[in-house]
Amino acid sequence: MHKAVLSWVVPDSPGMELAQRLSVKHCLSAGLQPKERALTRTQQLGLLPPELGENEVLLSTRKARATRRNQLDVPYGDGEGEKMDIYFPDEDSKAFPLFLFFHGGYWQSGSKDDSAFMVTPLTAQGVVVVIVAYDIAPKGALDRMVDQVTRSVVFLQRRYPSNEGIYLCGHSAGAHLAAMVLLASWTKHGVTPNLQGFLLVSGIYDLEPLIYTSQNAPLHMALEDAQRNSPQRRLEVAPPTPVGPACPVVVVVGQHDSPEFHRQSREFYETLHRVGLKASLQELPDVDHFDIVENLTREDHALTQIILKTIFPTL
C-alpha cells in the first residue's frame, strides 16, 4: 500500500517553494509521484471502510484494548474531545513511569483510537501508556490543541502524583504538540509535572511555511498564530525553565523523511542544545515518515529501544 501525503501546496501561493519541501519532495522520498497523493493517508490509518484493508497498526491497537488492563475514554477536561486511554502493565503499582503519546495527522486527522500500537512492548516493561485525544481541525484551532495536551499532562500528574516520571512522545503534528508542552508555563495550572523526557519523532517545529498552503485551510493560521505556536521560534525567545537541564529531549527523524523534516529536526535540536537542554538528534535508518512510528509495534524496533532507554537508562 502506498503511503500518501496530504498536499501542503496551493498553486502560485507565495510560500509554494518552501511548502514543497514538506509535500512534493516528501512524496518523492517515499517513492511516490505527486499525482499519487490521491490515495490519502487515512486509508493507511484505517479510517476508510474496512474492505480497504487493515494493517498491523490497527491490529496492535485492537490487541492492546483486548488484552491489556486499561481505562478507556478517561476525561481530562470538560470538552467532548478531551479524553485519553490509559494502558497498564500486568503488575500493579502506584509508582510507575508514564508514557504519553500524541498522534499525528497534520492536526486534522488521526485519533487516539488508532494509536495504541506501542502499548504491548512498553507495558511489558512496566510502563503505563497514555494515548491522548485532542480536538483536531477544523473543530480545534492550534491554540486549543496546545492547551488541551498541556492540560492532559496536568491531569495525569494530579491523578498519579507518585509517578516515576512523565515521558512525552509525539509523531509529526503530535511531536509539535509535545514540543509546545516543553515550553509550557505551569504556574497557572498550580502543578509542576514530573517531566523526565521528551521524544519528538519526525516533527514540525516552525509552522510559518504552512501559512501559504492548502493545509492551512482548516487551521486558519495567521502569521502571528504560526509564530506563537512554533516551538522553534518560541525556544529562541524564551527557553523553558520548568524542565531541568538533565531532562533528555530526543529529536528523531527517519532516513527517508523529506528534506524539510530533516532541516526542521536539525535546527530544533541545535536550538535545544544552544539553550542548555540535554538534547540529542537521531536519524533512524531505512524508515520513512510513517513506518518510523508504525514499527513501534515491535520491541526490537530502534525507536522502541530509544524510548525504553530514555525511560530506563540502565536497561
C-alpha atoms as a PDB file:
ATOM      1  CA  MET A   1       0.000   0.000   0.000  1.00  0.00           C
ATOM      2  CA  HIS A   2       1.339   3.410  -0.917  1.00  0.00           C
ATOM      3  CA  LYS A   3       1.964   5.835   1.913  1.00  0.00           C
ATOM      4  CA  ALA A   4       0.220   9.025   0.961  1.00  0.00           C
ATOM      5  CA  VAL A   5       0.881  12.601   1.910  1.00  0.00           C
ATOM      6  CA  LEU A   6      -1.708  15.322   2.270  1.00  0.00           C
ATOM      7  CA  SER A   7      -0.935  18.196  -0.083  1.00  0.00           C
ATOM      8  CA  TRP A   8       0.649  21.223   1.538  1.00  0.00           C
ATOM      9  CA  VAL A   9       0.806  23.237  -1.665  1.00  0.00           C
ATOM     10  CA  VAL A  10      -1.509  25.893  -3.059  1.00  0.00           C
ATOM     11  CA  PRO A  11      -0.630  26.663  -6.684  1.00  0.00           C
ATOM     12  CA  ASP A  12       1.002  30.059  -7.212  1.00  0.00           C
ATOM     13  CA  SER A  13       0.979  30.840  -3.477  1.00  0.00           C
ATOM     14  CA  PRO A  14       3.834  32.959  -2.090  1.00  0.00           C
ATOM     15  CA  GLY A  15       5.036  30.095   0.077  1.00  0.00           C
ATOM     16  CA  MET A  16       4.843  27.381  -2.535  1.00  0.00           C
ATOM     17  CA  GLU A  17       8.580  26.838  -2.956  1.00  0.00           C
ATOM     18  CA  LEU A  18       9.151  26.387   0.773  1.00  0.00           C
ATOM     19  CA  ALA A  19       5.968  24.397   1.241  1.00  0.00           C
ATOM     20  CA  GLN A  20       7.008  21.962  -1.468  1.00  0.00           C
ATOM     21  CA  ARG A  21       9.790  20.776   0.795  1.00  0.00           C
ATOM     22  CA  LEU A  22       7.082  19.378   3.042  1.00  0.00           C
ATOM     23  CA  SER A  23       4.896  17.948   0.299  1.00  0.00           C
ATOM     24  CA  VAL A  24       6.129  17.142  -3.192  1.00  0.00           C
ATOM     25  CA  LYS A  25       9.664  16.273  -2.076  1.00  0.00           C
ATOM     26  CA  HIS A  26       8.228  14.107   0.684  1.00  0.00           C
ATOM     27  CA  CYS A  27       6.155  12.236  -1.859  1.00  0.00           C
ATOM     28  CA  LEU A  28       9.285  11.585  -3.890  1.00  0.00           C
ATOM     29  CA  SER A  29      11.257  10.463  -0.834  1.00  0.00           C
ATOM     30  CA  ALA A  30       8.522   7.929  -0.125  1.00  0.00           C
ATOM     31  CA  GLY A  31       8.629   6.624  -3.685  1.00  0.00           C
ATOM     32  CA  LEU A  32       5.505   8.486  -4.769  1.00  0.00           C
ATOM     33  CA  GLN A  33       4.821  10.844  -7.610  1.00  0.00           C
ATOM     34  CA  PRO A  34       2.773  13.900  -6.530  1.00  0.00           C
ATOM     35  CA  LYS A  35      -0.248  12.698  -8.507  1.00  0.00           C
ATOM     36  CA  GLU A  36      -0.377   9.591  -6.319  1.00  0.00           C
ATOM     37  CA  ARG A  37      -1.340  11.686  -3.323  1.00  0.00           C
ATOM     38  CA  ALA A  38      -4.974  10.931  -4.188  1.00  0.00           C
ATOM     39  CA  LEU A  39      -4.567   7.788  -2.065  1.00  0.00           C
ATOM     40  CA  THR A  40      -4.727   9.555   1.266  1.00  0.00           C
ATOM     41  CA  ARG A  41      -3.066   8.570   4.496  1.00  0.00           C
ATOM     42  CA  THR A  42      -6.494   7.966   6.023  1.00  0.00           C
ATOM     43  CA  GLN A  43      -6.570   4.620   4.218  1.00  0.00           C
ATOM     44  CA  GLN A  44      -3.270   3.596   5.786  1.00  0.00           C
ATOM     45  CA  LEU A  45      -4.590   4.644   9.189  1.00  0.00           C
ATOM     46  CA  GLY A  46      -7.696   2.547   8.754  1.00  0.00           C
ATOM     47  CA  LEU A  47     -10.067   5.492   8.667  1.00  0.00           C
ATOM     48  CA  LEU A  48     -11.631   4.309   5.434  1.00  0.00           C
ATOM     49  CA  PRO A  49     -14.096   1.418   5.164  1.00  0.00           C
ATOM     50  CA  PRO A  50     -12.783  -1.952   6.399  1.00  0.00           C
ATOM     51  CA  GLU A  51     -12.979  -3.529   2.977  1.00  0.00           C
ATOM     52  CA  LEU A  52      -9.936  -1.443   2.013  1.00  0.00           C
ATOM     53  CA  GLY A  53      -7.866  -3.500   4.404  1.00  0.00           C
ATOM     54  CA  GLU A  54      -6.337  -3.414   7.852  1.00  0.00           C
ATOM     55  CA  ASN A  55      -2.740  -3.007   8.856  1.00  0.00           C
ATOM     56  CA  GLU A  56      -0.575  -4.036  11.728  1.00  0.00           C
ATOM     57  CA  VAL A  57      -1.050  -0.701  13.472  1.00  0.00           C
ATOM     58  CA  LEU A  58      -4.803  -1.143  13.812  1.00  0.00           C
ATOM     59  CA  LEU A  59      -4.474  -4.788  14.781  1.00  0.00           C
ATOM     60  CA  SER A  60      -1.956  -3.869  17.501  1.00  0.00           C
ATOM     61  CA  THR A  61      -4.311  -1.227  18.867  1.00  0.00           C
ATOM     62  CA  ARG A  62      -7.200  -3.680  18.959  1.00  0.00           C
ATOM     63  CA  LYS A  63      -4.987  -6.273  20.626  1.00  0.00           C
ATOM     64  CA  ALA A  64      -3.940  -3.764  23.275  1.00  0.00           C
ATOM     65  CA  ARG A  65      -7.545  -2.903  24.035  1.00  0.00           C
ATOM     66  CA  ALA A  66      -8.480  -6.563  24.267  1.00  0.00           C
ATOM     67  CA  THR A  67      -5.528  -7.895  26.248  1.00  0.00           C
ATOM     68  CA  ARG A  68      -4.032  -5.107  28.394  1.00  0.00           C
ATOM     69  CA  ARG A  69      -5.552  -3.674  31.556  1.00  0.00           C
ATOM     70  CA  ASN A  70      -6.931  -0.322  30.533  1.00  0.00           C
ATOM     71  CA  GLN A  71      -9.207   2.602  31.233  1.00  0.00           C
ATOM     72  CA  LEU A  72     -10.669   3.983  28.015  1.00  0.00           C
ATOM     73  CA  ASP A  73     -12.087   7.442  27.327  1.00  0.00           C
ATOM     74  CA  VAL A  74     -10.951   8.903  30.630  1.00  0.00           C
ATOM     75  CA  PRO A  75     -11.912  12.611  30.588  1.00  0.00           C
ATOM     76  CA  TYR A  76      -9.087  15.024  31.359  1.00  0.00           C
ATOM     77  CA  GLY A  77     -11.301  18.071  30.766  1.00  0.00           C
ATOM     78  CA  ASP A  78     -14.872  19.089  30.115  1.00  0.00           C
ATOM     79  CA  GLY A  79     -14.680  19.122  26.317  1.00  0.00           C
ATOM     80  CA  GLU A  80     -16.118  16.289  24.265  1.00  0.00           C
ATOM     81  CA  GLY A  81     -12.743  15.582  22.671  1.00  0.00           C
ATOM     82  CA  GLU A  82     -10.740  15.816  25.898  1.00  0.00           C
ATOM     83  CA  LYS A  83     -10.294  12.138  26.625  1.00  0.00           C
ATOM     84  CA  MET A  84      -7.435   9.681  26.996  1.00  0.00           C
ATOM     85  CA  ASP A  85      -6.913   5.932  27.021  1.00  0.00           C
ATOM     86  CA  ILE A  86      -4.681   4.563  29.790  1.00  0.00           C
ATOM     87  CA  TYR A  87      -2.992   1.153  29.485  1.00  0.00           C
ATOM     88  CA  PHE A  88      -1.377  -0.538  32.480  1.00  0.00           C
ATOM     89  CA  PRO A  89       1.299  -3.199  32.928  1.00  0.00           C
ATOM     90  CA  ASP A  90       0.265  -6.541  34.371  1.00  0.00           C
ATOM     91  CA  GLU A  91       1.968  -5.791  37.672  1.00  0.00           C
ATOM     92  CA  ASP A  92       0.016  -3.309  39.762  1.00  0.00           C
ATOM     93  CA  SER A  93       1.973  -0.446  41.285  1.00  0.00           C
ATOM     94  CA  LYS A  94       1.380   3.107  42.494  1.00  0.00           C
ATOM     95  CA  ALA A  95       4.775   4.236  41.222  1.00  0.00           C
ATOM     96  CA  PHE A  96       5.446   3.799  37.526  1.00  0.00           C
ATOM     97  CA  PRO A  97       6.700   5.796  34.570  1.00  0.00           C
ATOM     98  CA  LEU A  98       4.014   7.401  32.409  1.00  0.00           C
ATOM     99  CA  PHE A  99       4.461   7.474  28.632  1.00  0.00           C
ATOM    100  CA  LEU A 100       2.136   9.936  26.861  1.00  0.00           C
ATOM    101  CA  PHE A 101       1.630   9.749  23.107  1.00  0.00           C
ATOM    102  CA  PHE A 102       0.193  12.499  20.900  1.00  0.00           C
ATOM    103  CA  HIS A 103      -0.820  11.203  17.461  1.00  0.00           C
ATOM    104  CA  GLY A 104      -0.014  12.928  14.199  1.00  0.00           C
ATOM    105  CA  GLY A 105      -2.250  13.686  11.243  1.00  0.00           C
ATOM    106  CA  TYR A 106      -1.410  17.282  10.280  1.00  0.00           C
ATOM    107  CA  TRP A 107      -3.589  18.497  13.207  1.00  0.00           C
ATOM    108  CA  GLN A 108      -6.692  17.482  11.246  1.00  0.00           C
ATOM    109  CA  SER A 109      -6.828  13.688  11.140  1.00  0.00           C
ATOM    110  CA  GLY A 110      -5.868  10.704  13.254  1.00  0.00           C
ATOM    111  CA  SER A 111      -7.318   9.517  16.536  1.00  0.00           C
ATOM    112  CA  LYS A 112      -6.291   8.036  19.854  1.00  0.00           C
ATOM    113  CA  ASP A 113      -8.468   5.075  18.887  1.00  0.00           C
ATOM    114  CA  ASP A 114      -5.942   4.138  16.176  1.00  0.00           C
ATOM    115  CA  SER A 115      -2.760   4.985  18.062  1.00  0.00           C
ATOM    116  CA  ALA A 116      -2.163   2.392  20.780  1.00  0.00           C
ATOM    117  CA  PHE A 117       0.248   0.362  18.653  1.00  0.00           C
ATOM    118  CA  MET A 118       3.169   0.778  21.091  1.00  0.00           C
ATOM    119  CA  VAL A 119       1.208  -0.379  24.140  1.00  0.00           C
ATOM    120  CA  THR A 120       2.240  -4.040  24.206  1.00  0.00           C
ATOM    121  CA  PRO A 121       6.050  -3.621  24.053  1.00  0.00           C
ATOM    122  CA  LEU A 122       6.040  -0.733  26.566  1.00  0.00           C
ATOM    123  CA  THR A 123       3.611  -2.113  29.136  1.00  0.00           C
ATOM    124  CA  ALA A 124       5.592  -5.355  29.035  1.00  0.00           C
ATOM    125  CA  GLN A 125       8.457  -3.345  30.546  1.00  0.00           C
ATOM    126  CA  GLY A 126       6.343  -1.823  33.328  1.00  0.00           C
ATOM    127  CA  VAL A 127       5.408   1.452  31.605  1.00  0.00           C
ATOM    128  CA  VAL A 128       1.930   2.964  31.793  1.00  0.00           C
ATOM    129  CA  VAL A 129       0.982   4.153  28.297  1.00  0.00           C
ATOM    130  CA  VAL A 130      -1.455   7.019  27.786  1.00  0.00           C
ATOM    131  CA  ILE A 131      -2.877   7.900  24.371  1.00  0.00           C
ATOM    132  CA  VAL A 132      -4.240  11.437  24.391  1.00  0.00           C
ATOM    133  CA  ALA A 133      -7.040  12.793  22.210  1.00  0.00           C
ATOM    134  CA  TYR A 134      -7.339  16.443  21.265  1.00  0.00           C
ATOM    135  CA  ASP A 135      -9.725  18.437  19.081  1.00  0.00           C
ATOM    136  CA  ILE A 136      -8.364  18.287  15.560  1.00  0.00           C
ATOM    137  CA  ALA A 137      -9.165  20.940  12.964  1.00  0.00           C
ATOM    138  CA  PRO A 138     -11.496  22.369  11.930  1.00  0.00           C
ATOM    139  CA  LYS A 139     -13.132  21.959  15.334  1.00  0.00           C
ATOM    140  CA  GLY A 140      -9.940  22.768  17.185  1.00  0.00           C
ATOM    141  CA  ALA A 141      -7.520  25.607  16.493  1.00  0.00           C
ATOM    142  CA  LEU A 142      -3.832  25.205  17.305  1.00  0.00           C
ATOM    143  CA  ASP A 143      -4.060  27.265  20.490  1.00  0.00           C
ATOM    144  CA  ARG A 144      -6.793  24.950  21.718  1.00  0.00           C
ATOM    145  CA  MET A 145      -4.847  21.792  20.847  1.00  0.00           C
ATOM    146  CA  VAL A 146      -1.764  23.057  22.679  1.00  0.00           C
ATOM    147  CA  ASP A 147      -3.880  23.927  25.713  1.00  0.00           C
ATOM    148  CA  GLN A 148      -5.551  20.521  25.667  1.00  0.00           C
ATOM    149  CA  VAL A 149      -2.394  18.437  25.559  1.00  0.00           C
ATOM    150  CA  THR A 150      -0.873  20.642  28.266  1.00  0.00           C
ATOM    151  CA  ARG A 151      -3.879  20.073  30.499  1.00  0.00           C
ATOM    152  CA  SER A 152      -3.691  16.332  29.831  1.00  0.00           C
ATOM    153  CA  VAL A 153      -0.233  16.360  31.438  1.00  0.00           C
ATOM    154  CA  VAL A 154      -1.538  18.330  34.420  1.00  0.00           C
ATOM    155  CA  PHE A 155      -4.392  15.853  34.807  1.00  0.00           C
ATOM    156  CA  LEU A 156      -2.059  12.867  34.883  1.00  0.00           C
ATOM    157  CA  GLN A 157       0.316  14.470  37.360  1.00  0.00           C
ATOM    158  CA  ARG A 158      -2.598  15.075  39.732  1.00  0.00           C
ATOM    159  CA  ARG A 159      -4.068  11.623  39.141  1.00  0.00           C
ATOM    160  CA  TYR A 160      -0.738   9.842  39.660  1.00  0.00           C
ATOM    161  CA  PRO A 161       1.360  12.085  41.920  1.00  0.00           C
ATOM    162  CA  SER A 162       3.738   9.218  42.781  1.00  0.00           C
ATOM    163  CA  ASN A 163       4.692   8.599  39.161  1.00  0.00           C
ATOM    164  CA  GLU A 164       8.320   7.823  38.370  1.00  0.00           C
ATOM    165  CA  GLY A 165       8.462  10.322  35.552  1.00  0.00           C
ATOM    166  CA  ILE A 166       6.303  11.603  32.702  1.00  0.00           C
ATOM    167  CA  TYR A 167       7.695  10.995  29.228  1.00  0.00           C
ATOM    168  CA  LEU A 168       6.084  12.775  26.284  1.00  0.00           C
ATOM    169  CA  CYS A 169       6.206  11.419  22.755  1.00  0.00           C
ATOM    170  CA  GLY A 170       4.585  12.713  19.608  1.00  0.00           C
ATOM    171  CA  HIS A 171       4.776  11.954  15.924  1.00  0.00           C
ATOM    172  CA  SER A 172       4.674  14.634  13.207  1.00  0.00           C
ATOM    173  CA  ALA A 173       1.975  17.104  14.329  1.00  0.00           C
ATOM    174  CA  GLY A 174       1.991  15.274  17.656  1.00  0.00           C
ATOM    175  CA  ALA A 175       5.711  15.991  18.007  1.00  0.00           C
ATOM    176  CA  HIS A 176       4.902  19.657  17.516  1.00  0.00           C
ATOM    177  CA  LEU A 177       2.366  19.483  20.349  1.00  0.00           C
ATOM    178  CA  ALA A 178       4.806  17.657  22.634  1.00  0.00           C
ATOM    179  CA  ALA A 179       7.426  20.319  21.910  1.00  0.00           C
ATOM    180  CA  MET A 180       4.921  23.015  22.855  1.00  0.00           C
ATOM    181  CA  VAL A 181       4.403  21.272  26.214  1.00  0.00           C
ATOM    182  CA  LEU A 182       8.156  21.556  26.720  1.00  0.00           C
ATOM    183  CA  LEU A 183       7.652  25.333  26.601  1.00  0.00           C
ATOM    184  CA  ALA A 184       4.548  25.457  28.799  1.00  0.00           C
ATOM    185  CA  SER A 185       4.218  27.689  31.822  1.00  0.00           C
ATOM    186  CA  TRP A 186       2.839  25.630  34.691  1.00  0.00           C
ATOM    187  CA  THR A 187       2.130  28.470  37.138  1.00  0.00           C
ATOM    188  CA  LYS A 188      -1.470  28.949  36.060  1.00  0.00           C
ATOM    189  CA  HIS A 189      -2.118  25.217  36.413  1.00  0.00           C
ATOM    190  CA  GLY A 190      -0.934  25.089  40.010  1.00  0.00           C
ATOM    191  CA  VAL A 191       1.177  21.990  39.469  1.00  0.00           C
ATOM    192  CA  THR A 192       4.596  21.250  38.027  1.00  0.00           C
ATOM    193  CA  PRO A 193       4.542  17.858  36.320  1.00  0.00           C
ATOM    194  CA  ASN A 194       7.369  15.389  36.836  1.00  0.00           C
ATOM    195  CA  LEU A 195       8.648  15.688  33.262  1.00  0.00           C
ATOM    196  CA  GLN A 196      11.601  13.386  32.717  1.00  0.00           C
ATOM    197  CA  GLY A 197      11.885  13.049  28.953  1.00  0.00           C
ATOM    198  CA  PHE A 198      10.652  14.121  25.517  1.00  0.00           C
ATOM    199  CA  LEU A 199      10.747  12.027  22.337  1.00  0.00           C
ATOM    200  CA  LEU A 200       9.931  14.104  19.268  1.00  0.00           C
ATOM    201  CA  VAL A 201       9.504  11.965  16.160  1.00  0.00           C
ATOM    202  CA  SER A 202       9.538  13.469  12.653  1.00  0.00           C
ATOM    203  CA  GLY A 203       8.135  16.703  13.968  1.00  0.00           C
ATOM    204  CA  ILE A 204       7.280  20.147  12.646  1.00  0.00           C
ATOM    205  CA  TYR A 205       8.708  22.961  14.755  1.00  0.00           C
ATOM    206  CA  ASP A 206       8.356  26.012  12.501  1.00  0.00           C
ATOM    207  CA  LEU A 207       4.781  26.480  11.278  1.00  0.00           C
ATOM    208  CA  GLU A 208       5.248  29.586   9.175  1.00  0.00           C
ATOM    209  CA  PRO A 209       5.793  27.645   5.895  1.00  0.00           C
ATOM    210  CA  LEU A 210       2.300  26.171   6.281  1.00  0.00           C
ATOM    211  CA  ILE A 211       0.506  29.515   6.207  1.00  0.00           C
ATOM    212  CA  TYR A 212       0.618  29.695   2.418  1.00  0.00           C
ATOM    213  CA  THR A 213      -0.517  26.146   1.738  1.00  0.00           C
ATOM    214  CA  SER A 214      -3.832  24.372   1.359  1.00  0.00           C
ATOM    215  CA  GLN A 215      -3.008  22.533   4.567  1.00  0.00           C
ATOM    216  CA  ASN A 216      -3.766  25.757   6.436  1.00  0.00           C
ATOM    217  CA  ALA A 217      -7.360  25.905   5.184  1.00  0.00           C
ATOM    218  CA  PRO A 218      -8.866  24.068   8.189  1.00  0.00           C
ATOM    219  CA  LEU A 219      -6.328  25.559  10.631  1.00  0.00           C
ATOM    220  CA  HIS A 220      -6.927  29.222   9.719  1.00  0.00           C
ATOM    221  CA  MET A 221      -3.458  30.232  10.897  1.00  0.00           C
ATOM    222  CA  ALA A 222      -2.422  33.844  10.557  1.00  0.00           C
ATOM    223  CA  LEU A 223       1.255  34.746  10.785  1.00  0.00           C
ATOM    224  CA  GLU A 224       1.012  35.578  14.481  1.00  0.00           C
ATOM    225  CA  ASP A 225      -0.735  32.253  15.158  1.00  0.00           C
ATOM    226  CA  ALA A 226       2.064  30.343  13.427  1.00  0.00           C
ATOM    227  CA  GLN A 227       4.761  32.252  15.281  1.00  0.00           C
ATOM    228  CA  ARG A 228       3.054  31.843  18.653  1.00  0.00           C
ATOM    229  CA  ASN A 229       2.716  28.098  18.090  1.00  0.00           C
ATOM    230  CA  SER A 230       6.146  27.435  16.588  1.00  0.00           C
ATOM    231  CA  PRO A 231       8.403  25.715  19.153  1.00  0.00           C
ATOM    232  CA  GLN A 232      11.485  26.744  17.172  1.00  0.00           C
ATOM    233  CA  ARG A 233      10.662  30.447  17.414  1.00  0.00           C
ATOM    234  CA  ARG A 234       9.398  30.226  20.984  1.00  0.00           C
ATOM    235  CA  LEU A 235      12.521  28.454  22.151  1.00  0.00           C
ATOM    236  CA  GLU A 236      14.751  31.122  20.636  1.00  0.00           C
ATOM    237  CA  VAL A 237      12.905  33.835  22.575  1.00  0.00           C
ATOM    238  CA  ALA A 238      12.174  32.189  25.913  1.00  0.00           C
ATOM    239  CA  PRO A 239      13.899  28.907  26.860  1.00  0.00           C
ATOM    240  CA  PRO A 240      11.848  26.678  29.194  1.00  0.00           C
ATOM    241  CA  THR A 241      12.503  26.881  32.913  1.00  0.00           C
ATOM    242  CA  PRO A 242      10.341  24.093  34.444  1.00  0.00           C
ATOM    243  CA  VAL A 243      12.341  21.432  32.590  1.00  0.00           C
ATOM    244  CA  GLY A 244      15.753  20.852  34.103  1.00  0.00           C
ATOM    245  CA  PRO A 245      18.921  20.534  32.026  1.00  0.00           C
ATOM    246  CA  ALA A 246      19.079  16.824  32.854  1.00  0.00           C
ATOM    247  CA  CYS A 247      15.711  16.133  31.179  1.00  0.00           C
ATOM    248  CA  PRO A 248      16.540  14.482  27.834  1.00  0.00           C
ATOM    249  CA  VAL A 249      14.921  15.788  24.666  1.00  0.00           C
ATOM    250  CA  VAL A 250      15.407  13.248  21.873  1.00  0.00           C
ATOM    251  CA  VAL A 251      14.724  14.571  18.375  1.00  0.00           C
ATOM    252  CA  VAL A 252      14.220  11.701  15.942  1.00  0.00           C
ATOM    253  CA  VAL A 253      13.874  11.742  12.162  1.00  0.00           C
ATOM    254  CA  GLY A 254      13.680   8.950   9.615  1.00  0.00           C
ATOM    255  CA  GLN A 255      16.299   8.448   6.938  1.00  0.00           C
ATOM    256  CA  HIS A 256      13.624   8.761   4.265  1.00  0.00           C
ATOM    257  CA  ASP A 257      11.764  11.689   5.821  1.00  0.00           C
ATOM    258  CA  SER A 258      11.667  14.680   3.485  1.00  0.00           C
ATOM    259  CA  PRO A 259      14.477  17.273   3.459  1.00  0.00           C
ATOM    260  CA  GLU A 260      12.243  19.754   5.283  1.00  0.00           C
ATOM    261  CA  PHE A 261      11.606  17.368   8.170  1.00  0.00           C
ATOM    262  CA  HIS A 262      15.351  16.809   8.366  1.00  0.00           C
ATOM    263  CA  ARG A 263      16.021  20.559   8.322  1.00  0.00           C
ATOM    264  CA  GLN A 264      13.464  21.353  10.993  1.00  0.00           C
ATOM    265  CA  SER A 265      14.622  18.484  13.206  1.00  0.00           C
ATOM    266  CA  ARG A 266      18.257  19.519  12.920  1.00  0.00           C
ATOM    267  CA  GLU A 267      17.595  23.201  13.600  1.00  0.00           C
ATOM    268  CA  PHE A 268      15.341  22.451  16.569  1.00  0.00           C
ATOM    269  CA  TYR A 269      17.954  20.129  18.046  1.00  0.00           C
ATOM    270  CA  GLU A 270      20.626  22.793  17.590  1.00  0.00           C
ATOM    271  CA  THR A 271      18.461  25.379  19.348  1.00  0.00           C
ATOM    272  CA  LEU A 272      17.682  22.998  22.207  1.00  0.00           C
ATOM    273  CA  HIS A 273      21.389  22.359  22.638  1.00  0.00           C
ATOM    274  CA  ARG A 274      22.228  26.051  22.458  1.00  0.00           C
ATOM    275  CA  VAL A 275      19.831  26.986  25.281  1.00  0.00           C
ATOM    276  CA  GLY A 276      21.369  24.344  27.537  1.00  0.00           C
ATOM    277  CA  LEU A 277      18.965  21.430  27.331  1.00  0.00           C
ATOM    278  CA  LYS A 278      20.105  17.821  27.173  1.00  0.00           C
ATOM    279  CA  ALA A 279      19.219  17.274  23.531  1.00  0.00           C
ATOM    280  CA  SER A 280      20.165  14.604  21.032  1.00  0.00           C
ATOM    281  CA  LEU A 281      19.390  14.099  17.359  1.00  0.00           C
ATOM    282  CA  GLN A 282      18.955  10.610  15.960  1.00  0.00           C
ATOM    283  CA  GLU A 283      18.342   9.591  12.372  1.00  0.00           C
ATOM    284  CA  LEU A 284      16.832   6.131  12.093  1.00  0.00           C
ATOM    285  CA  PRO A 285      17.922   4.172   9.007  1.00  0.00           C
ATOM    286  CA  ASP A 286      15.615   2.606   6.434  1.00  0.00           C
ATOM    287  CA  VAL A 287      12.368   4.223   7.630  1.00  0.00           C
ATOM    288  CA  ASP A 288      10.151   6.954   6.215  1.00  0.00           C
ATOM    289  CA  HIS A 289       7.759   9.423   7.836  1.00  0.00           C
ATOM    290  CA  PHE A 290       5.202   6.741   8.624  1.00  0.00           C
ATOM    291  CA  ASP A 291       6.863   3.433   9.378  1.00  0.00           C
ATOM    292  CA  ILE A 292       9.236   5.189  11.786  1.00  0.00           C
ATOM    293  CA  VAL A 293       6.336   5.229  14.246  1.00  0.00           C
ATOM    294  CA  GLU A 294       4.298   2.299  12.960  1.00  0.00           C
ATOM    295  CA  ASN A 295       7.194  -0.015  13.786  1.00  0.00           C
ATOM    296  CA  LEU A 296       6.637   0.734  17.472  1.00  0.00           C
ATOM    297  CA  THR A 297       4.535  -2.422  17.397  1.00  0.00           C
ATOM    298  CA  ARG A 298       7.887  -4.244  17.706  1.00  0.00           C
ATOM    299  CA  GLU A 299      10.022  -4.292  20.826  1.00  0.00           C
ATOM    300  CA  ASP A 300      13.174  -4.687  18.723  1.00  0.00           C
ATOM    301  CA  HIS A 301      12.452  -1.565  16.642  1.00  0.00           C
ATOM    302  CA  ALA A 302      15.124   1.117  17.018  1.00  0.00           C
ATOM    303  CA  LEU A 303      12.615   3.743  18.202  1.00  0.00           C
ATOM    304  CA  THR A 304      11.111   1.369  20.761  1.00  0.00           C
ATOM    305  CA  GLN A 305      14.594   0.805  22.153  1.00  0.00           C
ATOM    306  CA  ILE A 306      15.292   4.559  22.236  1.00  0.00           C
ATOM    307  CA  ILE A 307      12.094   5.083  24.221  1.00  0.00           C
ATOM    308  CA  LEU A 308      12.904   2.304  26.695  1.00  0.00           C
ATOM    309  CA  LYS A 309      16.461   3.531  27.195  1.00  0.00           C
ATOM    310  CA  THR A 310      15.195   7.056  27.785  1.00  0.00           C
ATOM    311  CA  ILE A 311      12.836   5.780  30.476  1.00  0.00           C
ATOM    312  CA  PHE A 312      15.254   3.172  31.856  1.00  0.00           C
ATOM    313  CA  PRO A 313      18.799   4.484  31.229  1.00  0.00           C
ATOM    314  CA  THR A 314      20.391   1.368  32.750  1.00  0.00           C
ATOM    315  CA  LEU A 315      18.343  -1.051  30.634  1.00  0.00           C
END
